[in-house]
Amino acid sequence: GKTSLLKVIVGMAPLDDGKVWRAPSLRIGYVPQEPPLDDAATVFDTVAGGLEGVQSLLIEYHDVLHRLAAPDHDPALQNRLDELSHALEANDGWRIQSRIETTLQHLDLNADDKIGNLSGGWRKRVALARALVSEPDLLVLDEPTNHLDIAAIDWLENFLRESNFNLLFVTHDRAFLQSVSQRILEIDRGRMFDWTCDYQTFLHREKLQLDAEER
């Protein structure tokens, strides 16, 4: 099915036969239909978890900052904050921290909210933010409008149309498909057809092709 196909493309599922080729440096961001998120984690921790290398430093730095705000905090926390600050400086962590904060702001997410307190639509935004902070060359979305209300779908359509990364998605939402898609890949009877057009144009061209086949 479509989910299996996307998992094969992003490298999360093996093929029974054949090969998948990806550019060696290709960065893929993947948002599944039902994003598996830790209810006990914060939004910031979840989004930072989409990074490699410095995520643990950023998560701990964010946690120590909050603990320092408490009036009865452990004095040793300041030393730990300094150590984390130096480590982030050495690993380009401040630029990455800024990227996370910008992404959260762009998606209207509160860094300190608990995942378990979020609705399905907001959880989908968190999963999208986690994929985006990795600055993917290719963003892969499986049924992106699931659990979203009308306002959230409108927001997502505008966001994707204005973004500059490559996007591959599957959806049953035909209005969303018409709004966002610029190219459609159709798999029919073991062959793939490439249509560079929107959904309504695709339907028209496909009908002409099927009529020609029938004749």
N, C-alpha and C. Protein backbone atom coordinates (compact mmCIF):
# COMPACT_ATOMS: atom_id res chain seq x y z
N GLY A 1 0.82 -1.20 0.00
CA GLY A 1 0.00 0.00 0.00
C GLY A 1 0.86 1.26 0.00
N LYS A 2 0.18 2.39 0.07
CA LYS A 2 0.88 3.67 -0.03
C LYS A 2 1.85 3.90 1.12
N THR A 3 1.45 3.51 2.34
CA THR A 3 2.34 3.70 3.49
C THR A 3 3.59 2.85 3.35
N SER A 4 3.42 1.62 2.88
CA SER A 4 4.58 0.75 2.67
C SER A 4 5.52 1.34 1.63
N LEU A 5 4.94 1.91 0.56
CA LEU A 5 5.76 2.54 -0.48
C LEU A 5 6.58 3.69 0.09
N LEU A 6 5.95 4.55 0.89
CA LEU A 6 6.67 5.68 1.48
C LEU A 6 7.76 5.20 2.43
N LYS A 7 7.48 4.17 3.21
CA LYS A 7 8.49 3.64 4.14
C LYS A 7 9.69 3.07 3.38
N VAL A 8 9.44 2.46 2.24
CA VAL A 8 10.54 1.97 1.40
C VAL A 8 11.37 3.14 0.89
N ILE A 9 10.69 4.20 0.44
CA ILE A 9 11.39 5.36 -0.11
C ILE A 9 12.30 6.01 0.94
N VAL A 10 11.81 6.13 2.18
CA VAL A 10 12.60 6.80 3.22
C VAL A 10 13.58 5.86 3.92
N GLY A 11 13.52 4.56 3.60
CA GLY A 11 14.48 3.62 4.16
C GLY A 11 14.04 2.97 5.46
N MET A 12 12.73 3.00 5.76
CA MET A 12 12.24 2.40 7.01
C MET A 12 11.69 1.00 6.82
N ALA A 13 11.61 0.53 5.57
CA ALA A 13 11.09 -0.81 5.29
C ALA A 13 11.89 -1.41 4.14
N PRO A 14 12.18 -2.73 4.19
CA PRO A 14 12.94 -3.37 3.12
C PRO A 14 12.06 -3.72 1.94
N LEU A 15 12.70 -3.91 0.79
CA LEU A 15 11.99 -4.39 -0.39
C LEU A 15 12.03 -5.91 -0.43
N ASP A 16 10.97 -6.51 -0.97
CA ASP A 16 11.01 -7.94 -1.25
C ASP A 16 11.91 -8.22 -2.45
N ASP A 17 11.98 -7.26 -3.37
CA ASP A 17 12.78 -7.43 -4.58
C ASP A 17 13.06 -6.05 -5.14
N GLY A 18 14.09 -5.94 -5.97
CA GLY A 18 14.41 -4.66 -6.59
C GLY A 18 15.37 -3.84 -5.75
N LYS A 19 15.57 -2.60 -6.16
CA LYS A 19 16.54 -1.72 -5.50
C LYS A 19 15.95 -0.33 -5.30
N VAL A 20 16.42 0.35 -4.27
CA VAL A 20 16.11 1.76 -4.05
C VAL A 20 17.43 2.51 -4.06
N TRP A 21 17.51 3.55 -4.87
CA TRP A 21 18.73 4.36 -4.92
C TRP A 21 18.42 5.75 -4.39
N ARG A 22 19.25 6.22 -3.46
CA ARG A 22 19.14 7.58 -2.94
C ARG A 22 20.49 8.25 -3.06
N ALA A 23 20.49 9.55 -3.34
CA ALA A 23 21.74 10.31 -3.36
C ALA A 23 22.41 10.16 -1.99
N PRO A 24 23.73 9.94 -1.95
CA PRO A 24 24.41 9.67 -0.68
C PRO A 24 24.19 10.75 0.38
N SER A 25 24.08 12.01 -0.02
CA SER A 25 23.94 13.09 0.95
C SER A 25 22.49 13.53 1.15
N LEU A 26 21.54 12.78 0.60
CA LEU A 26 20.14 13.17 0.67
C LEU A 26 19.62 13.16 2.11
N ARG A 27 19.04 14.28 2.54
CA ARG A 27 18.41 14.37 3.86
C ARG A 27 16.90 14.29 3.67
N ILE A 28 16.28 13.30 4.32
CA ILE A 28 14.85 13.07 4.17
C ILE A 28 14.16 13.37 5.50
N GLY A 29 13.11 14.18 5.46
CA GLY A 29 12.23 14.37 6.61
C GLY A 29 10.94 13.62 6.36
N TYR A 30 10.51 12.81 7.34
CA TYR A 30 9.35 11.95 7.13
C TYR A 30 8.33 12.17 8.25
N VAL A 31 7.09 12.43 7.88
CA VAL A 31 6.01 12.56 8.85
C VAL A 31 4.97 11.49 8.54
N PRO A 32 4.90 10.43 9.36
CA PRO A 32 3.94 9.35 9.08
C PRO A 32 2.51 9.79 9.37
N GLN A 33 1.58 8.95 8.96
CA GLN A 33 0.16 9.24 9.14
C GLN A 33 -0.20 9.38 10.62
N GLU A 34 0.38 8.52 11.45
CA GLU A 34 0.17 8.58 12.90
C GLU A 34 1.54 8.72 13.56
N PRO A 35 2.03 9.95 13.75
CA PRO A 35 3.38 10.14 14.27
C PRO A 35 3.53 9.54 15.67
N PRO A 36 4.51 8.67 15.88
CA PRO A 36 4.73 8.11 17.22
C PRO A 36 5.51 9.11 18.09
N LEU A 37 4.83 9.72 19.03
CA LEU A 37 5.43 10.73 19.90
C LEU A 37 5.31 10.31 21.36
N ASP A 38 6.28 10.70 22.15
CA ASP A 38 6.30 10.40 23.59
C ASP A 38 5.43 11.41 24.33
N ASP A 39 4.34 10.94 24.93
CA ASP A 39 3.42 11.83 25.62
C ASP A 39 4.08 12.59 26.77
N ALA A 40 5.11 12.00 27.37
CA ALA A 40 5.74 12.63 28.53
C ALA A 40 6.76 13.70 28.13
N ALA A 41 7.14 13.74 26.87
CA ALA A 41 8.16 14.69 26.41
C ALA A 41 7.55 16.06 26.15
N THR A 42 8.40 17.09 26.14
CA THR A 42 7.95 18.43 25.76
C THR A 42 8.04 18.59 24.25
N VAL A 43 7.42 19.65 23.76
CA VAL A 43 7.50 19.96 22.34
C VAL A 43 8.95 20.19 21.93
N PHE A 44 9.69 20.95 22.74
CA PHE A 44 11.09 21.25 22.40
C PHE A 44 11.91 19.97 22.31
N ASP A 45 11.79 19.10 23.31
CA ASP A 45 12.57 17.85 23.30
C ASP A 45 12.24 17.00 22.08
N THR A 46 10.97 16.96 21.72
CA THR A 46 10.54 16.15 20.58
C THR A 46 11.10 16.70 19.28
N VAL A 47 11.02 18.01 19.11
CA VAL A 47 11.51 18.63 17.88
C VAL A 47 13.03 18.52 17.79
N ALA A 48 13.73 18.75 18.89
CA ALA A 48 15.19 18.63 18.90
C ALA A 48 15.62 17.20 18.64
N GLY A 49 14.76 16.24 18.94
CA GLY A 49 15.07 14.84 18.69
C GLY A 49 15.18 14.51 17.21
N GLY A 50 14.77 15.42 16.34
CA GLY A 50 14.90 15.20 14.91
C GLY A 50 16.27 15.54 14.37
N LEU A 51 17.16 15.98 15.25
CA LEU A 51 18.51 16.35 14.83
C LEU A 51 19.50 15.26 15.21
N GLU A 52 20.61 15.26 14.53
CA GLU A 52 21.68 14.32 14.87
C GLU A 52 22.86 15.10 15.47
N GLY A 53 23.52 14.49 16.43
CA GLY A 53 24.75 15.09 16.95
C GLY A 53 24.55 15.94 18.19
N VAL A 54 23.80 17.03 18.10
CA VAL A 54 23.72 17.97 19.22
C VAL A 54 22.38 17.92 19.95
N GLN A 55 21.49 17.00 19.58
CA GLN A 55 20.17 17.03 20.18
C GLN A 55 20.21 16.86 21.69
N SER A 56 21.08 15.96 22.19
CA SER A 56 21.14 15.74 23.64
C SER A 56 21.65 16.99 24.37
N LEU A 57 22.61 17.71 23.75
CA LEU A 57 23.11 18.94 24.36
C LEU A 57 22.01 19.99 24.43
N LEU A 58 21.26 20.14 23.34
CA LEU A 58 20.20 21.14 23.29
C LEU A 58 19.09 20.82 24.28
N ILE A 59 18.72 19.56 24.36
CA ILE A 59 17.65 19.16 25.27
C ILE A 59 18.05 19.41 26.72
N GLU A 60 19.29 19.05 27.06
CA GLU A 60 19.75 19.26 28.43
C GLU A 60 19.89 20.75 28.74
N TYR A 61 20.40 21.53 27.78
CA TYR A 61 20.55 22.97 27.97
C TYR A 61 19.20 23.61 28.25
N HIS A 62 18.20 23.23 27.47
CA HIS A 62 16.85 23.76 27.65
C HIS A 62 16.30 23.39 29.03
N ASP A 63 16.56 22.15 29.47
CA ASP A 63 16.08 21.67 30.77
C ASP A 63 16.78 22.42 31.91
N VAL A 64 18.10 22.59 31.81
CA VAL A 64 18.85 23.27 32.87
C VAL A 64 18.41 24.73 32.99
N LEU A 65 18.15 25.38 31.88
CA LEU A 65 17.66 26.77 31.91
C LEU A 65 16.38 26.88 32.73
N HIS A 66 15.47 25.94 32.53
CA HIS A 66 14.20 25.96 33.26
C HIS A 66 14.42 25.70 34.75
N ARG A 67 15.31 24.78 35.05
CA ARG A 67 15.56 24.46 36.46
C ARG A 67 16.25 25.62 37.17
N LEU A 68 17.06 26.37 36.45
CA LEU A 68 17.71 27.54 37.05
C LEU A 68 16.71 28.64 37.40
N ALA A 69 15.58 28.64 36.74
CA ALA A 69 14.57 29.67 37.00
C ALA A 69 13.87 29.45 38.34
N ALA A 70 13.98 28.26 38.89
CA ALA A 70 13.35 27.99 40.19
C ALA A 70 14.14 28.69 41.29
N PRO A 71 13.46 29.30 42.26
CA PRO A 71 14.16 30.04 43.31
C PRO A 71 15.08 29.18 44.18
N ASP A 72 14.76 27.90 44.31
CA ASP A 72 15.57 27.01 45.16
C ASP A 72 16.45 26.07 44.33
N HIS A 73 16.94 26.55 43.18
CA HIS A 73 17.71 25.68 42.29
C HIS A 73 19.07 25.33 42.89
N ASP A 74 19.61 24.23 42.42
CA ASP A 74 20.93 23.76 42.84
C ASP A 74 21.99 24.70 42.25
N PRO A 75 22.89 25.27 43.07
CA PRO A 75 23.92 26.17 42.56
C PRO A 75 24.83 25.53 41.51
N ALA A 76 24.95 24.20 41.55
CA ALA A 76 25.80 23.50 40.58
C ALA A 76 25.24 23.57 39.17
N LEU A 77 23.96 23.91 39.05
CA LEU A 77 23.35 23.97 37.74
C LEU A 77 24.00 25.03 36.85
N GLN A 78 24.46 26.14 37.46
CA GLN A 78 25.09 27.18 36.65
C GLN A 78 26.37 26.68 36.00
N ASN A 79 27.14 25.88 36.75
CA ASN A 79 28.37 25.30 36.17
C ASN A 79 28.03 24.37 35.02
N ARG A 80 26.97 23.58 35.19
CA ARG A 80 26.57 22.67 34.13
C ARG A 80 26.10 23.45 32.91
N LEU A 81 25.40 24.57 33.14
CA LEU A 81 24.95 25.39 32.02
C LEU A 81 26.13 25.94 31.24
N ASP A 82 27.17 26.36 31.96
CA ASP A 82 28.38 26.87 31.30
C ASP A 82 29.04 25.79 30.46
N GLU A 83 29.11 24.56 31.01
CA GLU A 83 29.71 23.45 30.27
C GLU A 83 28.93 23.17 28.99
N LEU A 84 27.59 23.16 29.11
CA LEU A 84 26.75 22.91 27.94
C LEU A 84 26.90 24.03 26.91
N SER A 85 27.02 25.25 27.40
CA SER A 85 27.17 26.40 26.51
C SER A 85 28.44 26.28 25.68
N HIS A 86 29.54 25.89 26.33
CA HIS A 86 30.81 25.71 25.60
C HIS A 86 30.71 24.57 24.59
N ALA A 87 30.04 23.49 24.98
CA ALA A 87 29.89 22.35 24.08
C ALA A 87 29.04 22.72 22.86
N LEU A 88 27.98 23.50 23.08
CA LEU A 88 27.15 23.93 21.96
C LEU A 88 27.91 24.87 21.05
N GLU A 89 28.72 25.74 21.62
CA GLU A 89 29.54 26.66 20.83
C GLU A 89 30.47 25.90 19.90
N ALA A 90 31.03 24.81 20.41
CA ALA A 90 31.99 24.02 19.64
C ALA A 90 31.33 23.17 18.56
N ASN A 91 30.01 22.98 18.67
CA ASN A 91 29.31 22.08 17.74
C ASN A 91 28.24 22.79 16.92
N ASP A 92 28.40 24.11 16.74
CA ASP A 92 27.45 24.90 15.95
C ASP A 92 26.05 24.82 16.53
N GLY A 93 25.99 24.64 17.86
CA GLY A 93 24.71 24.42 18.51
C GLY A 93 23.81 25.64 18.54
N TRP A 94 24.39 26.85 18.58
CA TRP A 94 23.55 28.04 18.68
C TRP A 94 22.77 28.28 17.38
N ARG A 95 23.40 27.99 16.25
CA ARG A 95 22.67 28.13 14.99
C ARG A 95 21.51 27.13 14.93
N ILE A 96 21.78 25.92 15.43
CA ILE A 96 20.74 24.90 15.43
C ILE A 96 19.64 25.25 16.42
N GLN A 97 20.03 25.79 17.58
CA GLN A 97 19.03 26.24 18.56
C GLN A 97 18.12 27.30 17.96
N SER A 98 18.72 28.24 17.21
CA SER A 98 17.94 29.29 16.56
C SER A 98 16.99 28.70 15.53
N ARG A 99 17.45 27.67 14.81
CA ARG A 99 16.61 27.02 13.81
C ARG A 99 15.39 26.38 14.47
N ILE A 100 15.59 25.73 15.62
CA ILE A 100 14.48 25.11 16.33
C ILE A 100 13.47 26.17 16.78
N GLU A 101 13.99 27.25 17.39
CA GLU A 101 13.10 28.29 17.89
C GLU A 101 12.31 28.95 16.75
N THR A 102 12.98 29.16 15.61
CA THR A 102 12.30 29.75 14.46
C THR A 102 11.21 28.83 13.94
N THR A 103 11.51 27.54 13.89
CA THR A 103 10.53 26.56 13.40
C THR A 103 9.32 26.49 14.33
N LEU A 104 9.57 26.47 15.64
CA LEU A 104 8.47 26.44 16.60
C LEU A 104 7.59 27.69 16.48
N GLN A 105 8.24 28.82 16.32
CA GLN A 105 7.49 30.07 16.17
C GLN A 105 6.67 30.06 14.89
N HIS A 106 7.28 29.55 13.83
CA HIS A 106 6.60 29.51 12.54
C HIS A 106 5.36 28.62 12.59
N LEU A 107 5.43 27.54 13.37
CA LEU A 107 4.31 26.60 13.47
C LEU A 107 3.42 26.90 14.67
N ASP A 108 3.70 28.03 15.36
CA ASP A 108 2.88 28.48 16.49
C ASP A 108 2.85 27.43 17.60
N LEU A 109 4.02 26.83 17.89
CA LEU A 109 4.13 25.80 18.91
C LEU A 109 4.80 26.36 20.16
N ASN A 110 4.31 25.94 21.32
CA ASN A 110 4.91 26.31 22.61
C ASN A 110 5.93 25.25 22.99
N ALA A 111 7.19 25.66 23.15
CA ALA A 111 8.28 24.71 23.39
C ALA A 111 8.06 23.87 24.65
N ASP A 112 7.37 24.43 25.64
CA ASP A 112 7.26 23.74 26.94
C ASP A 112 5.99 22.93 27.11
N ASP A 113 5.12 22.92 26.10
CA ASP A 113 3.91 22.09 26.19
C ASP A 113 4.27 20.61 26.20
N LYS A 114 3.52 19.83 26.95
CA LYS A 114 3.69 18.38 26.96
C LYS A 114 2.94 17.77 25.77
N ILE A 115 3.58 16.81 25.13
CA ILE A 115 2.96 16.16 23.97
C ILE A 115 1.62 15.54 24.35
N GLY A 116 1.54 14.96 25.53
CA GLY A 116 0.31 14.30 25.96
C GLY A 116 -0.88 15.23 26.10
N ASN A 117 -0.64 16.53 26.17
CA ASN A 117 -1.72 17.50 26.31
C ASN A 117 -2.20 18.06 24.96
N LEU A 118 -1.59 17.61 23.88
CA LEU A 118 -1.89 18.18 22.56
C LEU A 118 -2.93 17.35 21.81
N SER A 119 -3.74 18.04 21.01
CA SER A 119 -4.70 17.35 20.14
C SER A 119 -3.97 16.72 18.97
N GLY A 120 -4.70 15.92 18.19
CA GLY A 120 -4.08 15.26 17.04
C GLY A 120 -3.48 16.23 16.05
N GLY A 121 -4.17 17.36 15.82
CA GLY A 121 -3.68 18.35 14.88
C GLY A 121 -2.38 18.99 15.34
N TRP A 122 -2.30 19.31 16.63
CA TRP A 122 -1.08 19.93 17.15
C TRP A 122 0.06 18.91 17.20
N ARG A 123 -0.23 17.66 17.46
CA ARG A 123 0.80 16.61 17.42
C ARG A 123 1.37 16.49 16.01
N LYS A 124 0.49 16.66 15.01
CA LYS A 124 0.95 16.60 13.62
C LYS A 124 1.89 17.76 13.33
N ARG A 125 1.59 18.93 13.90
CA ARG A 125 2.49 20.08 13.73
C ARG A 125 3.85 19.81 14.37
N VAL A 126 3.85 19.18 15.54
CA VAL A 126 5.11 18.86 16.22
C VAL A 126 5.94 17.90 15.36
N ALA A 127 5.28 16.89 14.81
CA ALA A 127 5.98 15.94 13.95
C ALA A 127 6.55 16.63 12.71
N LEU A 128 5.78 17.57 12.18
CA LEU A 128 6.25 18.33 11.02
C LEU A 128 7.45 19.20 11.40
N ALA A 129 7.39 19.84 12.56
CA ALA A 129 8.51 20.66 13.03
C ALA A 129 9.77 19.81 13.21
N ARG A 130 9.60 18.62 13.76
CA ARG A 130 10.74 17.72 13.96
C ARG A 130 11.39 17.36 12.62
N ALA A 131 10.57 17.16 11.60
CA ALA A 131 11.11 16.85 10.28
C ALA A 131 11.79 18.06 9.66
N LEU A 132 11.23 19.25 9.88
CA LEU A 132 11.75 20.45 9.23
C LEU A 132 13.08 20.93 9.80
N VAL A 133 13.31 20.74 11.10
CA VAL A 133 14.55 21.26 11.69
C VAL A 133 15.79 20.56 11.13
N SER A 134 15.60 19.39 10.54
CA SER A 134 16.73 18.69 9.93
C SER A 134 17.08 19.27 8.57
N GLU A 135 16.33 20.31 8.14
CA GLU A 135 16.53 20.95 6.84
C GLU A 135 16.57 19.91 5.72
N PRO A 136 15.47 19.17 5.53
CA PRO A 136 15.48 18.05 4.57
C PRO A 136 15.56 18.54 3.13
N ASP A 137 16.22 17.74 2.30
CA ASP A 137 16.16 17.95 0.86
C ASP A 137 14.81 17.50 0.32
N LEU A 138 14.25 16.48 1.00
CA LEU A 138 12.96 15.91 0.59
C LEU A 138 12.10 15.72 1.83
N LEU A 139 10.91 16.29 1.83
CA LEU A 139 9.95 16.09 2.91
C LEU A 139 8.89 15.12 2.43
N VAL A 140 8.69 14.03 3.17
CA VAL A 140 7.73 12.99 2.80
C VAL A 140 6.59 12.97 3.81
N LEU A 141 5.36 13.14 3.33
CA LEU A 141 4.20 13.21 4.21
C LEU A 141 3.19 12.12 3.83
N ASP A 142 2.72 11.39 4.84
CA ASP A 142 1.72 10.35 4.64
C ASP A 142 0.40 10.85 5.22
N GLU A 143 -0.59 11.08 4.34
CA GLU A 143 -1.90 11.60 4.74
C GLU A 143 -1.76 12.82 5.68
N PRO A 144 -1.18 13.91 5.18
CA PRO A 144 -0.85 15.04 6.05
C PRO A 144 -2.03 15.75 6.68
N THR A 145 -3.25 15.60 6.13
CA THR A 145 -4.39 16.33 6.70
C THR A 145 -5.17 15.52 7.73
N ASN A 146 -4.75 14.27 7.99
CA ASN A 146 -5.42 13.48 9.03
C ASN A 146 -5.34 14.19 10.38
N HIS A 147 -6.45 14.25 11.09
CA HIS A 147 -6.56 14.86 12.43
C HIS A 147 -6.50 16.39 12.42
N LEU A 148 -6.43 17.00 11.26
CA LEU A 148 -6.38 18.46 11.21
C LEU A 148 -7.77 19.03 10.96
N ASP A 149 -8.07 20.16 11.63
CA ASP A 149 -9.32 20.84 11.34
C ASP A 149 -9.15 21.73 10.11
N ILE A 150 -10.22 22.39 9.68
CA ILE A 150 -10.18 23.17 8.44
C ILE A 150 -9.13 24.28 8.52
N ALA A 151 -9.06 24.97 9.65
CA ALA A 151 -8.09 26.06 9.79
C ALA A 151 -6.67 25.54 9.70
N ALA A 152 -6.41 24.40 10.32
CA ALA A 152 -5.06 23.83 10.29
C ALA A 152 -4.70 23.35 8.88
N ILE A 153 -5.67 22.80 8.16
CA ILE A 153 -5.41 22.37 6.79
C ILE A 153 -5.09 23.57 5.90
N ASP A 154 -5.85 24.65 6.07
CA ASP A 154 -5.56 25.88 5.31
C ASP A 154 -4.16 26.37 5.58
N TRP A 155 -3.78 26.36 6.86
CA TRP A 155 -2.43 26.79 7.24
C TRP A 155 -1.37 25.89 6.58
N LEU A 156 -1.59 24.57 6.63
CA LEU A 156 -0.61 23.63 6.08
C LEU A 156 -0.48 23.81 4.57
N GLU A 157 -1.59 24.00 3.88
CA GLU A 157 -1.54 24.22 2.43
C GLU A 157 -0.68 25.45 2.10
N ASN A 158 -0.92 26.55 2.80
CA ASN A 158 -0.16 27.78 2.54
C ASN A 158 1.31 27.59 2.86
N PHE A 159 1.58 26.91 3.98
CA PHE A 159 2.97 26.68 4.40
C PHE A 159 3.73 25.87 3.35
N LEU A 160 3.12 24.79 2.87
CA LEU A 160 3.80 23.93 1.90
C LEU A 160 3.98 24.62 0.55
N ARG A 161 3.01 25.41 0.15
CA ARG A 161 3.12 26.12 -1.13
C ARG A 161 4.25 27.16 -1.09
N GLU A 162 4.47 27.75 0.08
CA GLU A 162 5.48 28.81 0.20
C GLU A 162 6.87 28.28 0.53
N SER A 163 6.99 27.00 0.86
CA SER A 163 8.28 26.43 1.26
C SER A 163 9.11 26.10 0.02
N ASN A 164 10.43 25.97 0.24
CA ASN A 164 11.32 25.78 -0.92
C ASN A 164 11.98 24.40 -0.95
N PHE A 165 11.47 23.45 -0.16
CA PHE A 165 12.02 22.10 -0.24
C PHE A 165 11.16 21.24 -1.17
N ASN A 166 11.71 20.09 -1.56
CA ASN A 166 10.96 19.13 -2.38
C ASN A 166 9.98 18.37 -1.48
N LEU A 167 8.80 18.14 -1.98
CA LEU A 167 7.75 17.52 -1.19
C LEU A 167 7.17 16.33 -1.94
N LEU A 168 7.07 15.19 -1.25
CA LEU A 168 6.41 14.00 -1.77
C LEU A 168 5.34 13.60 -0.77
N PHE A 169 4.09 13.47 -1.21
CA PHE A 169 3.04 13.11 -0.26
C PHE A 169 1.98 12.24 -0.92
N VAL A 170 1.29 11.48 -0.07
CA VAL A 170 0.11 10.73 -0.52
C VAL A 170 -1.07 11.21 0.33
N THR A 171 -2.25 11.28 -0.29
CA THR A 171 -3.41 11.79 0.43
C THR A 171 -4.70 11.31 -0.23
N HIS A 172 -5.74 11.16 0.58
CA HIS A 172 -7.09 10.94 0.07
C HIS A 172 -7.87 12.25 0.00
N ASP A 173 -7.26 13.33 0.50
CA ASP A 173 -7.90 14.64 0.54
C ASP A 173 -7.72 15.33 -0.81
N ARG A 174 -8.74 15.24 -1.65
CA ARG A 174 -8.60 15.74 -3.03
C ARG A 174 -8.50 17.27 -3.09
N ALA A 175 -9.14 17.96 -2.16
CA ALA A 175 -9.02 19.42 -2.13
C ALA A 175 -7.59 19.82 -1.80
N PHE A 176 -6.98 19.12 -0.83
CA PHE A 176 -5.59 19.39 -0.46
C PHE A 176 -4.67 19.06 -1.64
N LEU A 177 -4.94 17.94 -2.29
CA LEU A 177 -4.14 17.52 -3.44
C LEU A 177 -4.17 18.58 -4.55
N GLN A 178 -5.37 19.10 -4.82
CA GLN A 178 -5.51 20.12 -5.85
C GLN A 178 -4.76 21.40 -5.45
N SER A 179 -4.81 21.74 -4.17
CA SER A 179 -4.21 22.98 -3.70
C SER A 179 -2.69 22.95 -3.71
N VAL A 180 -2.11 21.80 -3.40
CA VAL A 180 -0.66 21.73 -3.15
C VAL A 180 0.13 21.12 -4.31
N SER A 181 -0.43 20.11 -4.97
CA SER A 181 0.38 19.34 -5.92
C SER A 181 0.68 20.11 -7.20
N GLN A 182 1.88 19.90 -7.73
CA GLN A 182 2.29 20.44 -9.02
C GLN A 182 2.71 19.32 -9.97
N ARG A 183 2.76 18.11 -9.43
CA ARG A 183 3.20 16.96 -10.22
C ARG A 183 2.60 15.71 -9.58
N ILE A 184 2.10 14.81 -10.38
CA ILE A 184 1.45 13.60 -9.87
C ILE A 184 2.11 12.38 -10.49
N LEU A 185 2.47 11.42 -9.64
CA LEU A 185 3.01 10.14 -10.09
C LEU A 185 1.92 9.09 -9.92
N GLU A 186 1.50 8.51 -11.02
CA GLU A 186 0.41 7.53 -11.00
C GLU A 186 0.98 6.14 -11.28
N ILE A 187 0.63 5.19 -10.41
CA ILE A 187 1.02 3.79 -10.62
C ILE A 187 -0.22 3.04 -11.09
N ASP A 188 -0.14 2.48 -12.29
CA ASP A 188 -1.31 1.83 -12.89
C ASP A 188 -0.86 0.59 -13.65
N ARG A 189 -1.36 -0.57 -13.23
CA ARG A 189 -1.07 -1.85 -13.89
C ARG A 189 0.44 -2.08 -14.03
N GLY A 190 1.15 -1.81 -12.95
CA GLY A 190 2.58 -2.10 -12.94
C GLY A 190 3.46 -1.08 -13.62
N ARG A 191 2.88 0.02 -14.09
CA ARG A 191 3.67 1.07 -14.75
C ARG A 191 3.46 2.39 -14.01
N MET A 192 4.45 3.27 -14.10
CA MET A 192 4.33 4.57 -13.47
C MET A 192 4.26 5.65 -14.53
N PHE A 193 3.30 6.56 -14.36
CA PHE A 193 3.11 7.68 -15.28
C PHE A 193 3.37 8.98 -14.54
N ASP A 194 4.10 9.87 -15.18
CA ASP A 194 4.51 11.13 -14.57
C ASP A 194 3.71 12.27 -15.20
N TRP A 195 2.88 12.92 -14.40
CA TRP A 195 2.03 14.01 -14.88
C TRP A 195 2.48 15.31 -14.22
N THR A 196 2.99 16.25 -15.01
CA THR A 196 3.41 17.54 -14.46
C THR A 196 2.25 18.52 -14.58
N CYS A 197 1.38 18.47 -13.58
CA CYS A 197 0.17 19.30 -13.60
C CYS A 197 -0.52 19.19 -12.25
N ASP A 198 -1.59 19.96 -12.07
CA ASP A 198 -2.37 19.84 -10.84
C ASP A 198 -3.35 18.67 -10.97
N TYR A 199 -4.14 18.44 -9.90
CA TYR A 199 -4.97 17.25 -9.85
C TYR A 199 -6.10 17.29 -10.88
N GLN A 200 -6.77 18.42 -11.03
CA GLN A 200 -7.89 18.50 -11.99
C GLN A 200 -7.39 18.28 -13.42
N THR A 201 -6.23 18.86 -13.75
CA THR A 201 -5.66 18.64 -15.08
C THR A 201 -5.29 17.19 -15.28
N PHE A 202 -4.77 16.57 -14.23
CA PHE A 202 -4.44 15.15 -14.27
C PHE A 202 -5.67 14.31 -14.60
N LEU A 203 -6.78 14.59 -13.93
CA LEU A 203 -8.01 13.83 -14.18
C LEU A 203 -8.44 13.94 -15.65
N HIS A 204 -8.34 15.14 -16.19
CA HIS A 204 -8.73 15.36 -17.59
C HIS A 204 -7.81 14.60 -18.54
N ARG A 205 -6.49 14.72 -18.30
CA ARG A 205 -5.53 14.05 -19.19
C ARG A 205 -5.63 12.54 -19.06
N GLU A 206 -5.86 12.07 -17.85
CA GLU A 206 -5.98 10.62 -17.65
C GLU A 206 -7.20 10.08 -18.39
N LYS A 207 -8.31 10.82 -18.36
CA LYS A 207 -9.52 10.38 -19.06
C LYS A 207 -9.27 10.30 -20.57
N LEU A 208 -8.56 11.30 -21.10
CA LEU A 208 -8.24 11.28 -22.53
C LEU A 208 -7.39 10.06 -22.87
N GLN A 209 -6.45 9.73 -21.99
CA GLN A 209 -5.57 8.58 -22.25
C GLN A 209 -6.36 7.29 -22.20
N LEU A 210 -7.27 7.14 -21.21
CA LEU A 210 -8.07 5.93 -21.09
C LEU A 210 -9.04 5.79 -22.27
N ASP A 211 -9.59 6.94 -22.72
CA ASP A 211 -10.48 6.90 -23.89
C ASP A 211 -9.72 6.43 -25.12
N ALA A 212 -8.50 6.92 -25.27
CA ALA A 212 -7.68 6.52 -26.40
C ALA A 212 -7.37 5.02 -26.32
N GLU A 213 -7.08 4.52 -25.13
CA GLU A 213 -6.82 3.09 -24.96
C GLU A 213 -8.03 2.26 -25.37
N GLU A 214 -9.20 2.73 -24.91
CA GLU A 214 -10.44 1.98 -25.21
C GLU A 214 -10.71 1.92 -26.71
N ARG A 215 -10.45 3.06 -27.40
CA ARG A 215 -10.66 3.06 -28.84
C ARG A 215 -9.67 2.15 -29.55
